[in-house]
Amino acid sequence: MELARRARRQLAEITRLEAERVTALARVHDGTWRVTVELLELSRIPQTDDLLGSFEAQLDDSGRLLRFRRVRRYARSRG
């Protein structure tokens, strides 16, 4: 859980976007962790038109962010 919180916080800080939720957490074969976080990229009215980005972060065992990338961008209503 701590790794998920760290990934969420670090991605929000780096991108300056609001972190919505962690959607996946997995141990990778090389000993690192892969965490997927949804970030609010564009707020709209109504909220169903918000644009979200799904970002994949790779962290080491201590929770240090090694790399990240956006893997998907979508409207909240099309989740």
Protein backbone atom coordinates (compact mmCIF):
# COMPACT_ATOMS: atom_id res chain seq x y z
CA MET A 1 0.00 0.00 0.00
CA GLU A 2 2.85 2.40 0.78
CA LEU A 3 4.29 1.94 -2.73
CA ALA A 4 0.91 2.76 -4.25
CA ARG A 5 0.64 5.93 -2.14
CA ARG A 6 4.17 7.01 -3.05
CA ALA A 7 3.57 6.46 -6.76
CA ARG A 8 0.34 8.43 -6.60
CA ARG A 9 1.98 11.32 -4.75
CA GLN A 10 5.11 11.41 -6.94
CA LEU A 11 3.16 11.36 -10.20
CA ALA A 12 0.91 14.17 -8.97
CA GLU A 13 3.96 16.24 -8.01
CA ILE A 14 5.83 15.67 -11.27
CA THR A 15 2.88 16.19 -13.62
CA ARG A 16 1.09 18.80 -11.49
CA LEU A 17 -2.13 16.87 -12.10
CA GLU A 18 -4.63 15.65 -9.52
CA ALA A 19 -4.24 11.96 -8.75
CA GLU A 20 -7.61 10.21 -8.78
CA ARG A 21 -6.82 6.61 -7.82
CA VAL A 22 -4.40 3.72 -8.09
CA THR A 23 -5.83 1.09 -10.42
CA ALA A 24 -3.07 -1.53 -10.46
CA LEU A 25 -0.01 -2.64 -8.52
CA ALA A 26 2.25 -5.50 -9.62
CA ARG A 27 5.71 -6.83 -8.91
CA VAL A 28 7.79 -6.99 -12.11
CA HIS A 29 10.24 -9.82 -12.89
CA ASP A 30 13.27 -7.50 -12.43
CA GLY A 31 12.28 -6.82 -8.81
CA THR A 32 10.70 -3.41 -9.37
CA TRP A 33 7.06 -2.46 -8.96
CA ARG A 34 4.62 -1.30 -11.64
CA VAL A 35 1.86 1.00 -10.41
CA THR A 36 -0.95 2.38 -12.59
CA VAL A 37 -2.45 5.69 -11.47
CA GLU A 38 -5.33 7.69 -12.96
CA LEU A 39 -4.66 11.43 -13.13
CA LEU A 40 -7.18 14.17 -13.92
CA GLU A 41 -5.76 15.87 -17.03
CA LEU A 42 -8.63 18.23 -17.84
CA SER A 43 -11.58 19.12 -15.64
CA ARG A 44 -14.85 19.83 -17.44
CA ILE A 45 -18.50 20.41 -16.64
CA PRO A 46 -20.20 18.02 -16.36
CA GLN A 47 -17.60 15.78 -14.67
CA THR A 48 -18.45 12.94 -17.03
CA ASP A 49 -16.60 14.95 -19.71
CA ASP A 50 -13.37 15.15 -17.64
CA LEU A 51 -10.27 13.83 -19.39
CA LEU A 52 -8.29 11.26 -17.40
CA GLY A 53 -4.88 9.82 -18.09
CA SER A 54 -3.79 6.38 -17.03
CA PHE A 55 -0.10 6.56 -16.08
CA GLU A 56 2.18 3.61 -15.47
CA ALA A 57 4.99 4.21 -12.97
CA GLN A 58 7.94 1.96 -12.19
CA LEU A 59 9.32 2.10 -8.64
CA ASP A 60 12.16 0.36 -6.85
CA ASP A 61 11.66 -1.44 -3.53
CA SER A 62 12.23 1.75 -1.55
CA GLY A 63 9.47 3.54 -3.48
CA ARG A 64 11.76 5.70 -5.61
CA LEU A 65 10.23 6.57 -8.97
CA LEU A 66 12.40 5.19 -11.78
CA ARG A 67 10.23 6.08 -14.78
CA PHE A 68 6.68 6.77 -15.83
CA ARG A 69 4.58 7.05 -18.98
CA ARG A 70 1.01 7.76 -19.95
CA VAL A 71 -0.53 4.63 -21.40
CA ARG A 72 -4.04 5.90 -22.08
CA ARG A 73 -6.12 9.08 -22.19
CA TYR A 74 -9.91 8.96 -22.06
CA ALA A 75 -13.10 10.74 -21.06
CA ARG A 76 -14.35 9.78 -17.59
CA SER A 77 -17.67 8.67 -19.13
CA ARG A 78 -15.82 6.14 -21.30
CA GLY A 79 -13.70 4.65 -18.47
